[in-house]
C-alpha atoms as a PDB file:
ATOM      1  CA  MET A   1       0.000   0.000   0.000  1.00  0.00           C
ATOM      2  CA  THR A   2       1.388   3.368  -0.979  1.00  0.00           C
ATOM      3  CA  THR A   3       1.456   6.361   1.337  1.00  0.00           C
ATOM      4  CA  LEU A   4      -1.296   8.008  -0.718  1.00  0.00           C
ATOM      5  CA  GLN A   5      -3.520   4.915  -0.518  1.00  0.00           C
ATOM      6  CA  PHE A   6      -2.899   4.689   3.235  1.00  0.00           C
ATOM      7  CA  ARG A   7      -3.823   8.369   3.764  1.00  0.00           C
ATOM      8  CA  THR A   8      -6.933   7.943   1.616  1.00  0.00           C
ATOM      9  CA  ALA A   9      -7.989   4.894   3.660  1.00  0.00           C
ATOM     10  CA  ILE A  10      -7.464   6.772   6.938  1.00  0.00           C
ATOM     11  CA  ALA A  11      -9.470   9.747   5.626  1.00  0.00           C
ATOM     12  CA  ALA A  12     -12.307   7.427   4.560  1.00  0.00           C
ATOM     13  CA  ILE A  13     -12.401   5.784   8.006  1.00  0.00           C
ATOM     14  CA  ALA A  14     -12.420   9.185   9.692  1.00  0.00           C
ATOM     15  CA  LEU A  15     -15.345  10.325   7.542  1.00  0.00           C
ATOM     16  CA  LEU A  16     -17.288   7.159   8.298  1.00  0.00           C
ATOM     17  CA  ALA A  17     -16.668   7.556  12.010  1.00  0.00           C
ATOM     18  CA  ALA A  18     -17.654  11.246  11.923  1.00  0.00           C
ATOM     19  CA  GLY A  19     -20.791  10.633   9.842  1.00  0.00           C
ATOM     20  CA  PRO A  20     -23.174  10.278  12.802  1.00  0.00           C
ATOM     21  CA  ALA A  21     -21.721  13.376  14.472  1.00  0.00           C
ATOM     22  CA  ILE A  22     -22.039  15.418  11.272  1.00  0.00           C
ATOM     23  CA  SER A  23     -25.610  14.188  10.812  1.00  0.00           C
ATOM     24  CA  ALA A  24     -26.489  15.011  14.427  1.00  0.00           C
ATOM     25  CA  ALA A  25     -25.212  18.566  13.984  1.00  0.00           C
ATOM     26  CA  ARG A  26     -27.542  19.088  11.023  1.00  0.00           C
ATOM     27  CA  ASN A  27     -30.484  17.319  12.640  1.00  0.00           C
ATOM     28  CA  PRO A  28     -30.617  18.268  16.344  1.00  0.00           C
ATOM     29  CA  MET A  29     -32.377  15.942  18.707  1.00  0.00           C
ATOM     30  CA  VAL A  30     -35.466  17.365  20.389  1.00  0.00           C
ATOM     31  CA  GLY A  31     -37.506  15.203  22.715  1.00  0.00           C
ATOM     32  CA  GLY A  32     -35.528  12.124  21.695  1.00  0.00           C
ATOM     33  CA  ALA A  33     -36.203  12.592  17.987  1.00  0.00           C
ATOM     34  CA  ALA A  34     -34.077  13.967  15.191  1.00  0.00           C
ATOM     35  CA  MET A  35     -35.441  17.159  13.707  1.00  0.00           C
ATOM     36  CA  TYR A  36     -35.091  17.363   9.947  1.00  0.00           C
ATOM     37  CA  PRO A  37     -34.727  20.661   8.080  1.00  0.00           C
ATOM     38  CA  THR A  38     -36.660  19.099   5.177  1.00  0.00           C
ATOM     39  CA  LYS A  39     -39.790  18.644   7.312  1.00  0.00           C
ATOM     40  CA  THR A  40     -42.322  21.222   8.468  1.00  0.00           C
ATOM     41  CA  ILE A  41     -42.724  22.486  12.003  1.00  0.00           C
ATOM     42  CA  VAL A  42     -45.662  20.134  12.579  1.00  0.00           C
ATOM     43  CA  GLU A  43     -44.010  17.109  10.936  1.00  0.00           C
ATOM     44  CA  ASN A  44     -41.039  17.456  13.288  1.00  0.00           C
ATOM     45  CA  ALA A  45     -42.969  18.445  16.429  1.00  0.00           C
ATOM     46  CA  VAL A  46     -45.174  15.338  16.357  1.00  0.00           C
ATOM     47  CA  ASN A  47     -42.041  13.212  16.802  1.00  0.00           C
ATOM     48  CA  SER A  48     -40.775  15.031  19.908  1.00  0.00           C
ATOM     49  CA  LYS A  49     -41.781  13.279  23.128  1.00  0.00           C
ATOM     50  CA  ASP A  50     -41.184  16.612  24.910  1.00  0.00           C
ATOM     51  CA  HIS A  51     -43.847  18.410  22.858  1.00  0.00           C
ATOM     52  CA  THR A  52     -46.911  16.154  23.045  1.00  0.00           C
ATOM     53  CA  THR A  53     -48.890  18.796  24.966  1.00  0.00           C
ATOM     54  CA  LEU A  54     -47.978  21.474  22.421  1.00  0.00           C
ATOM     55  CA  VAL A  55     -48.965  19.218  19.526  1.00  0.00           C
ATOM     56  CA  ALA A  56     -52.307  18.416  21.187  1.00  0.00           C
ATOM     57  CA  ALA A  57     -52.901  22.131  21.772  1.00  0.00           C
ATOM     58  CA  VAL A  58     -52.010  23.006  18.151  1.00  0.00           C
ATOM     59  CA  LYS A  59     -54.507  20.371  16.975  1.00  0.00           C
ATOM     60  CA  ALA A  60     -57.223  21.627  19.364  1.00  0.00           C
ATOM     61  CA  ALA A  61     -56.675  25.214  18.169  1.00  0.00           C
ATOM     62  CA  GLY A  62     -56.917  24.175  14.519  1.00  0.00           C
ATOM     63  CA  LEU A  63     -53.421  25.451  13.719  1.00  0.00           C
ATOM     64  CA  VAL A  64     -51.983  22.295  12.122  1.00  0.00           C
ATOM     65  CA  ASP A  65     -52.602  23.472   8.542  1.00  0.00           C
ATOM     66  CA  THR A  66     -51.155  26.922   9.248  1.00  0.00           C
ATOM     67  CA  LEU A  67     -47.967  25.587  10.870  1.00  0.00           C
ATOM     68  CA  SER A  68     -47.652  22.997   8.095  1.00  0.00           C
ATOM     69  CA  GLY A  69     -47.893  25.735   5.473  1.00  0.00           C
ATOM     70  CA  PRO A  70     -45.050  27.564   3.737  1.00  0.00           C
ATOM     71  CA  GLY A  71     -44.543  30.176   6.454  1.00  0.00           C
ATOM     72  CA  PRO A  72     -41.857  30.964   7.246  1.00  0.00           C
ATOM     73  CA  PHE A  73     -42.407  31.034  11.006  1.00  0.00           C
ATOM     74  CA  THR A  74     -40.272  31.360  14.107  1.00  0.00           C
ATOM     75  CA  VAL A  75     -41.865  29.233  16.812  1.00  0.00           C
ATOM     76  CA  PHE A  76     -40.965  29.403  20.490  1.00  0.00           C
ATOM     77  CA  ALA A  77     -42.070  25.870  21.398  1.00  0.00           C
ATOM     78  CA  PRO A  78     -42.898  25.180  25.064  1.00  0.00           C
ATOM     79  CA  THR A  79     -42.086  21.698  26.337  1.00  0.00           C
ATOM     80  CA  ASN A  80     -44.452  19.446  28.257  1.00  0.00           C
ATOM     81  CA  ALA A  81     -42.621  20.578  31.419  1.00  0.00           C
ATOM     82  CA  ALA A  82     -43.379  24.201  30.494  1.00  0.00           C
ATOM     83  CA  PHE A  83     -47.095  23.417  30.231  1.00  0.00           C
ATOM     84  CA  ALA A  84     -46.880  21.520  33.551  1.00  0.00           C
ATOM     85  CA  LYS A  85     -45.823  24.800  35.252  1.00  0.00           C
ATOM     86  CA  LEU A  86     -49.280  26.250  34.522  1.00  0.00           C
ATOM     87  CA  PRO A  87     -51.882  26.003  37.290  1.00  0.00           C
ATOM     88  CA  ALA A  88     -53.516  22.575  37.586  1.00  0.00           C
ATOM     89  CA  GLY A  89     -56.297  22.032  35.047  1.00  0.00           C
ATOM     90  CA  THR A  90     -55.262  24.922  32.783  1.00  0.00           C
ATOM     91  CA  VAL A  91     -54.280  22.806  29.784  1.00  0.00           C
ATOM     92  CA  ASP A  92     -57.365  20.584  30.097  1.00  0.00           C
ATOM     93  CA  THR A  93     -59.546  23.697  30.164  1.00  0.00           C
ATOM     94  CA  LEU A  94     -57.770  25.380  27.235  1.00  0.00           C
ATOM     95  CA  VAL A  95     -58.124  22.418  24.858  1.00  0.00           C
ATOM     96  CA  LYS A  96     -61.923  22.330  25.261  1.00  0.00           C
ATOM     97  CA  PRO A  97     -63.750  23.453  22.094  1.00  0.00           C
ATOM     98  CA  GLU A  98     -65.375  26.393  23.876  1.00  0.00           C
ATOM     99  CA  ASN A  99     -61.904  27.783  24.708  1.00  0.00           C
ATOM    100  CA  LYS A 100     -60.465  27.526  21.182  1.00  0.00           C
ATOM    101  CA  ALA A 101     -60.132  31.319  20.797  1.00  0.00           C
ATOM    102  CA  THR A 102     -58.181  31.656  24.060  1.00  0.00           C
ATOM    103  CA  LEU A 103     -55.946  28.706  23.179  1.00  0.00           C
ATOM    104  CA  THR A 104     -55.307  30.112  19.694  1.00  0.00           C
ATOM    105  CA  ASN A 105     -54.452  33.479  21.254  1.00  0.00           C
ATOM    106  CA  ILE A 106     -51.852  31.855  23.544  1.00  0.00           C
ATOM    107  CA  LEU A 107     -50.340  29.626  20.857  1.00  0.00           C
ATOM    108  CA  THR A 108     -50.027  32.354  18.219  1.00  0.00           C
ATOM    109  CA  TYR A 109     -48.270  34.462  20.866  1.00  0.00           C
ATOM    110  CA  HIS A 110     -45.434  31.913  20.523  1.00  0.00           C
ATOM    111  CA  VAL A 111     -45.072  32.549  16.772  1.00  0.00           C
ATOM    112  CA  VAL A 112     -43.259  35.350  14.935  1.00  0.00           C
ATOM    113  CA  ALA A 113     -43.635  35.737  11.170  1.00  0.00           C
ATOM    114  CA  GLY A 114     -40.421  35.007   9.284  1.00  0.00           C
ATOM    115  CA  THR A 115     -37.364  32.985  10.190  1.00  0.00           C
ATOM    116  CA  MET A 116     -35.343  34.429  13.063  1.00  0.00           C
ATOM    117  CA  THR A 117     -32.294  32.429  14.065  1.00  0.00           C
ATOM    118  CA  SER A 118     -30.713  32.939  17.466  1.00  0.00           C
ATOM    119  CA  LYS A 119     -27.950  34.977  15.781  1.00  0.00           C
ATOM    120  CA  GLN A 120     -30.535  37.276  14.204  1.00  0.00           C
ATOM    121  CA  ILE A 121     -32.354  37.675  17.517  1.00  0.00           C
ATOM    122  CA  ALA A 122     -29.031  38.357  19.298  1.00  0.00           C
ATOM    123  CA  ALA A 123     -28.175  40.991  16.671  1.00  0.00           C
ATOM    124  CA  ALA A 124     -31.570  42.648  17.202  1.00  0.00           C
ATOM    125  CA  ILE A 125     -30.971  42.614  20.973  1.00  0.00           C
ATOM    126  CA  LYS A 126     -27.556  44.213  20.497  1.00  0.00           C
ATOM    127  CA  SER A 127     -28.863  46.895  18.137  1.00  0.00           C
ATOM    128  CA  GLY A 128     -31.740  47.543  20.551  1.00  0.00           C
ATOM    129  CA  GLY A 129     -29.393  48.318  23.427  1.00  0.00           C
ATOM    130  CA  GLY A 130     -29.988  45.025  25.241  1.00  0.00           C
ATOM    131  CA  LYS A 131     -33.580  44.317  24.237  1.00  0.00           C
ATOM    132  CA  ALA A 132     -35.464  43.488  21.069  1.00  0.00           C
ATOM    133  CA  THR A 133     -39.201  43.652  20.558  1.00  0.00           C
ATOM    134  CA  LEU A 134     -40.587  40.781  18.506  1.00  0.00           C
ATOM    135  CA  THR A 135     -44.103  41.164  17.145  1.00  0.00           C
ATOM    136  CA  THR A 136     -45.997  37.900  17.413  1.00  0.00           C
ATOM    137  CA  VAL A 137     -48.564  36.566  14.962  1.00  0.00           C
ATOM    138  CA  GLN A 138     -51.076  37.095  17.784  1.00  0.00           C
ATOM    139  CA  GLY A 139     -50.276  40.818  17.575  1.00  0.00           C
ATOM    140  CA  GLU A 140     -48.720  41.538  20.949  1.00  0.00           C
ATOM    141  CA  PRO A 141     -44.984  41.949  21.500  1.00  0.00           C
ATOM    142  CA  LEU A 142     -42.457  39.649  23.136  1.00  0.00           C
ATOM    143  CA  THR A 143     -39.277  41.178  24.524  1.00  0.00           C
ATOM    144  CA  ALA A 144     -36.057  39.283  23.820  1.00  0.00           C
ATOM    145  CA  SER A 145     -32.916  39.822  25.873  1.00  0.00           C
ATOM    146  CA  MET A 146     -29.799  37.967  26.949  1.00  0.00           C
ATOM    147  CA  MET A 147     -29.620  36.857  30.562  1.00  0.00           C
ATOM    148  CA  GLY A 148     -26.501  35.054  31.726  1.00  0.00           C
ATOM    149  CA  GLY A 149     -25.645  34.135  28.138  1.00  0.00           C
ATOM    150  CA  ARG A 150     -29.117  32.676  27.549  1.00  0.00           C
ATOM    151  CA  LEU A 151     -31.723  33.996  25.161  1.00  0.00           C
ATOM    152  CA  THR A 152     -34.644  35.060  27.345  1.00  0.00           C
ATOM    153  CA  LEU A 153     -38.164  36.068  26.343  1.00  0.00           C
ATOM    154  CA  THR A 154     -40.386  38.252  28.500  1.00  0.00           C
ATOM    155  CA  ASP A 155     -44.107  38.109  27.807  1.00  0.00           C
ATOM    156  CA  ALA A 156     -46.782  40.792  28.114  1.00  0.00           C
ATOM    157  CA  LYS A 157     -47.486  39.761  31.703  1.00  0.00           C
ATOM    158  CA  GLY A 158     -43.817  39.954  32.740  1.00  0.00           C
ATOM    159  CA  GLY A 159     -43.288  36.184  32.709  1.00  0.00           C
ATOM    160  CA  MET A 160     -39.912  34.926  31.527  1.00  0.00           C
ATOM    161  CA  SER A 161     -39.010  31.964  29.361  1.00  0.00           C
ATOM    162  CA  HIS A 162     -35.548  30.751  28.402  1.00  0.00           C
ATOM    163  CA  VAL A 163     -34.568  29.192  25.097  1.00  0.00           C
ATOM    164  CA  THR A 164     -33.183  25.742  25.909  1.00  0.00           C
ATOM    165  CA  ILE A 165     -32.597  24.498  22.341  1.00  0.00           C
ATOM    166  CA  LYS A 166     -32.032  27.063  19.616  1.00  0.00           C
ATOM    167  CA  ASP A 167     -32.077  27.096  15.845  1.00  0.00           C
ATOM    168  CA  VAL A 168     -33.977  23.902  15.071  1.00  0.00           C
ATOM    169  CA  MET A 169     -34.331  24.594  11.356  1.00  0.00           C
ATOM    170  CA  GLN A 170     -37.488  23.467   9.550  1.00  0.00           C
ATOM    171  CA  SER A 171     -38.572  23.615   5.909  1.00  0.00           C
ATOM    172  CA  ASN A 172     -41.004  26.379   6.858  1.00  0.00           C
ATOM    173  CA  GLY A 173     -39.081  28.244   9.543  1.00  0.00           C
ATOM    174  CA  VAL A 174     -37.254  27.648  12.786  1.00  0.00           C
ATOM    175  CA  ILE A 175     -38.115  26.357  16.254  1.00  0.00           C
ATOM    176  CA  HIS A 176     -36.542  27.538  19.494  1.00  0.00           C
ATOM    177  CA  VAL A 177     -37.513  25.280  22.419  1.00  0.00           C
ATOM    178  CA  VAL A 178     -38.556  27.233  25.538  1.00  0.00           C
ATOM    179  CA  ASP A 179     -38.981  26.251  29.178  1.00  0.00           C
ATOM    180  CA  THR A 180     -42.076  28.319  30.063  1.00  0.00           C
ATOM    181  CA  VAL A 181     -45.394  29.037  28.332  1.00  0.00           C
ATOM    182  CA  LEU A 182     -45.592  32.687  27.279  1.00  0.00           C
ATOM    183  CA  MET A 183     -48.793  34.594  28.079  1.00  0.00           C
ATOM    184  CA  PRO A 184     -50.199  37.517  26.090  1.00  0.00           C
END
C-alpha cells in the first residue's frame, strides 16, 4: 500500500466515524427525535416526546394546517414541562372546544412571522441596546434579551421563558424550544 492509498484509507475511516456526528449537527435531537430541516414544524414536532402537549394544543386550536404551510415562522415551542408549570387544570380547560379562541391566542403568541435564528435575535438585541421587541402573529410583542448568556423572552405579563434548544431549522421556519409558556 502506498502512502497516498494509506492516507486515503485513513481519511475514509475518519469520515465514516464522523458521519453520525455530522448528521447530528444538522439534525438536532429534540424530545428524543431527530429534527429534519426538510420537514415542516408540525411534521417534526409530532415526533418530539417533549412536545406532546404542544402538539395536542395546536390540533385543538386548529393550527396544524397553518404551521404545516409555507410560512416561514419562528416558533418558540414550550415543552411538556413548560405546560406543567401552569396552574392545575389549565391545559385541560384550554383544549376544550369552547376555549379555542383563548388557546389560539396563547399559541399564536409563541409565533413570529419570518425565520429568526438565534444569531438574528441576538443581533436585534444588540442593536436595541440590550432588548429586542418581537411582534408575534397574535399581535402583541415579546421582549427578547440575553440573561446570563441565555436567550430570554419576557411576555406581556412579565413572565420569563428561556430558550433551551435554539435554531432547530425546519422547511417552513425555525423552532426555538422554551422552558415556560408565554402569556399575552
